[in-house]
C-alpha atoms as a PDB file:
ATOM      1  CA  MET A   1     231.230 -18.568  95.855  1.00  0.00           C
ATOM      2  CA  ILE A   2     229.053 -18.950  92.924  1.00  0.00           C
ATOM      3  CA  ALA A   3     225.365 -19.468  93.888  1.00  0.00           C
ATOM      4  CA  ASN A   4     223.917 -22.682  93.183  1.00  0.00           C
ATOM      5  CA  THR A   5     220.683 -21.579  91.466  1.00  0.00           C
ATOM      6  CA  PRO A   6     217.593 -23.546  90.351  1.00  0.00           C
ATOM      7  CA  PRO A   7     216.549 -23.523  86.820  1.00  0.00           C
ATOM      8  CA  PRO A   8     215.111 -20.374  85.515  1.00  0.00           C
ATOM      9  CA  PRO A   9     212.918 -18.578  85.848  1.00  0.00           C
ATOM     10  CA  TYR A  10     213.788 -16.990  89.199  1.00  0.00           C
ATOM     11  CA  TYR A  11     214.904 -13.263  90.053  1.00  0.00           C
ATOM     12  CA  ALA A  12     217.928 -11.212  90.937  1.00  0.00           C
ATOM     13  CA  VAL A  13     218.270  -8.342  93.057  1.00  0.00           C
ATOM     14  CA  ILE A  14     221.474  -6.458  91.975  1.00  0.00           C
ATOM     15  CA  PHE A  15     222.586  -3.971  94.506  1.00  0.00           C
ATOM     16  CA  THR A  16     225.506  -1.547  93.509  1.00  0.00           C
ATOM     17  CA  SER A  17     227.103   0.959  95.804  1.00  0.00           C
ATOM     18  CA  LEU A  18     229.618   3.362  96.644  1.00  0.00           C
ATOM     19  CA  ARG A  19     230.693   3.222 100.247  1.00  0.00           C
ATOM     20  CA  THR A  20     231.700   6.020 102.814  1.00  0.00           C
ATOM     21  CA  GLU A  21     234.950   5.835 104.658  1.00  0.00           C
ATOM     22  CA  GLY A  22     235.435   3.250 107.612  1.00  0.00           C
ATOM     23  CA  ASP A  23     233.463   0.557 108.893  1.00  0.00           C
ATOM     24  CA  ASP A  24     231.048   1.842 111.708  1.00  0.00           C
ATOM     25  CA  GLY A  25     229.364  -1.220 112.214  1.00  0.00           C
ATOM     26  CA  TYR A  26     229.116  -2.299 108.582  1.00  0.00           C
ATOM     27  CA  GLY A  27     230.974  -5.485 108.504  1.00  0.00           C
ATOM     28  CA  SER A  28     228.763  -6.911 111.305  1.00  0.00           C
ATOM     29  CA  MET A  29     225.550  -5.677 109.693  1.00  0.00           C
ATOM     30  CA  SER A  30     226.406  -7.254 106.487  1.00  0.00           C
ATOM     31  CA  GLU A  31     227.237 -10.577 108.268  1.00  0.00           C
ATOM     32  CA  GLU A  32     223.801 -10.507 110.085  1.00  0.00           C
ATOM     33  CA  MET A  33     221.989  -9.555 106.662  1.00  0.00           C
ATOM     34  CA  ALA A  34     223.611 -12.388 104.963  1.00  0.00           C
ATOM     35  CA  GLU A  35     222.550 -14.834 107.801  1.00  0.00           C
ATOM     36  CA  LEU A  36     218.953 -13.506 107.858  1.00  0.00           C
ATOM     37  CA  ALA A  37     218.511 -13.638 104.257  1.00  0.00           C
ATOM     38  CA  ILE A  38     219.111 -17.264 104.266  1.00  0.00           C
ATOM     39  CA  GLN A  39     216.356 -17.972 106.547  1.00  0.00           C
ATOM     40  CA  GLN A  40     213.765 -16.007 104.271  1.00  0.00           C
ATOM     41  CA  PRO A  41     211.480 -17.904 102.008  1.00  0.00           C
ATOM     42  CA  GLY A  42     212.436 -18.016  98.403  1.00  0.00           C
ATOM     43  CA  TYR A  43     215.993 -17.086  99.148  1.00  0.00           C
ATOM     44  CA  LEU A  44     218.030 -18.828  96.595  1.00  0.00           C
ATOM     45  CA  GLY A  45     221.640 -17.444  97.014  1.00  0.00           C
ATOM     46  CA  ILE A  46     224.090 -14.662  96.872  1.00  0.00           C
ATOM     47  CA  GLU A  47     226.893 -13.199  94.997  1.00  0.00           C
ATOM     48  CA  SER A  48     229.234 -10.235  96.043  1.00  0.00           C
ATOM     49  CA  ALA A  49     232.364  -8.188  95.326  1.00  0.00           C
ATOM     50  CA  ARG A  50     233.853  -4.973  96.415  1.00  0.00           C
ATOM     51  CA  ASN A  51     236.433  -2.929  94.962  1.00  0.00           C
ATOM     52  CA  GLU A  52     235.969   0.558  94.451  1.00  0.00           C
ATOM     53  CA  ILE A  53     232.336  -0.259  93.600  1.00  0.00           C
ATOM     54  CA  GLY A  54     230.490  -2.942  95.462  1.00  0.00           C
ATOM     55  CA  ILE A  55     228.176  -5.500  93.705  1.00  0.00           C
ATOM     56  CA  THR A  56     226.035  -7.846  95.623  1.00  0.00           C
ATOM     57  CA  VAL A  57     223.367 -10.117  93.585  1.00  0.00           C
ATOM     58  CA  SER A  58     220.882 -11.971  95.615  1.00  0.00           C
ATOM     59  CA  PHE A  59     218.823 -14.544  93.951  1.00  0.00           C
ATOM     60  CA  TRP A  60     215.132 -14.894  94.727  1.00  0.00           C
ATOM     61  CA  ARG A  61     212.360 -17.286  93.690  1.00  0.00           C
ATOM     62  CA  SER A  62     209.603 -14.653  93.016  1.00  0.00           C
ATOM     63  CA  LEU A  63     208.975 -10.822  93.271  1.00  0.00           C
ATOM     64  CA  ASP A  64     206.887 -11.461  96.286  1.00  0.00           C
ATOM     65  CA  ASP A  65     209.810 -12.899  98.052  1.00  0.00           C
ATOM     66  CA  ILE A  66     211.970 -10.087  97.216  1.00  0.00           C
ATOM     67  CA  LYS A  67     209.166  -7.477  98.529  1.00  0.00           C
ATOM     68  CA  ASN A  68     208.911  -9.410 101.820  1.00  0.00           C
ATOM     69  CA  TRP A  69     212.936  -9.427 102.104  1.00  0.00           C
ATOM     70  CA  LYS A  70     212.666  -5.606 101.507  1.00  0.00           C
ATOM     71  CA  ALA A  71     209.921  -5.205 104.237  1.00  0.00           C
ATOM     72  CA  ASN A  72     211.715  -7.635 107.008  1.00  0.00           C
ATOM     73  CA  SER A  73     212.057  -5.331 110.161  1.00  0.00           C
ATOM     74  CA  ARG A  74     215.616  -5.981 110.631  1.00  0.00           C
ATOM     75  CA  HIS A  75     216.494  -5.575 107.161  1.00  0.00           C
ATOM     76  CA  LEU A  76     214.592  -2.034 107.259  1.00  0.00           C
ATOM     77  CA  VAL A  77     216.932  -0.917 110.048  1.00  0.00           C
ATOM     78  CA  ALA A  78     220.124  -1.753 107.727  1.00  0.00           C
ATOM     79  CA  GLN A  79     218.642   0.108 104.677  1.00  0.00           C
ATOM     80  CA  LYS A  80     218.220   3.143 106.811  1.00  0.00           C
ATOM     81  CA  THR A  81     221.400   2.943 108.526  1.00  0.00           C
ATOM     82  CA  GLY A  82     222.930   2.224 105.053  1.00  0.00           C
ATOM     83  CA  ARG A  83     221.517   5.604 103.507  1.00  0.00           C
ATOM     84  CA  ASP A  84     222.582   7.477 106.731  1.00  0.00           C
ATOM     85  CA  LYS A  85     225.998   6.220 107.185  1.00  0.00           C
ATOM     86  CA  TRP A  86     227.337   3.512 104.905  1.00  0.00           C
ATOM     87  CA  TYR A  87     226.716   4.536 101.406  1.00  0.00           C
ATOM     88  CA  GLU A  88     227.825   7.602  99.389  1.00  0.00           C
ATOM     89  CA  HIS A  89     225.530   6.373  96.616  1.00  0.00           C
ATOM     90  CA  TYR A  90     223.755   3.132  95.746  1.00  0.00           C
ATOM     91  CA  LYS A  91     221.436   1.802  93.013  1.00  0.00           C
ATOM     92  CA  VAL A  92     218.963  -1.498  93.014  1.00  0.00           C
ATOM     93  CA  ARG A  93     218.088  -3.238  90.031  1.00  0.00           C
ATOM     94  CA  ILE A  94     215.488  -6.207  90.139  1.00  0.00           C
ATOM     95  CA  CYS A  95     215.726  -8.616  87.155  1.00  0.00           C
ATOM     96  CA  LYS A  96     213.870 -11.793  85.740  1.00  0.00           C
ATOM     97  CA  VAL A  97     216.575 -14.444  84.983  1.00  0.00           C
ATOM     98  CA  GLU A  98     215.230 -16.216  82.003  1.00  0.00           C
ATOM     99  CA  ARG A  99     218.343 -18.201  81.119  1.00  0.00           C
ATOM    100  CA  ASP A 100     221.532 -19.163  82.836  1.00  0.00           C
ATOM    101  CA  TYR A 101     224.395 -21.479  81.915  1.00  0.00           C
ATOM    102  CA  GLU A 102     227.872 -22.303  83.347  1.00  0.00           C
ATOM    103  CA  PHE A 103     231.081 -23.901  82.837  1.00  0.00           C
END
């Protein structure tokens, strides 16, 4: 589903990843993080796709909201477990959305 974001400006966190083999709790943690993110101040939506490379883009009202989400205690557990078990490689990019349009 395409996120219903407000008029710009807002911010996007682009998380691109290469997974390790197997699930080992990844699916349940992914669902938990999606549910938890919705409850965070400044959360605007999420879009995600996975093939060989996974790309998840979350949208946020401000850089402070992104910083607070990154520091969330349960999210910190997911980040550490991701580095230890689930990801072969990942990259995070944070961008300011200055313009958007749709069809």
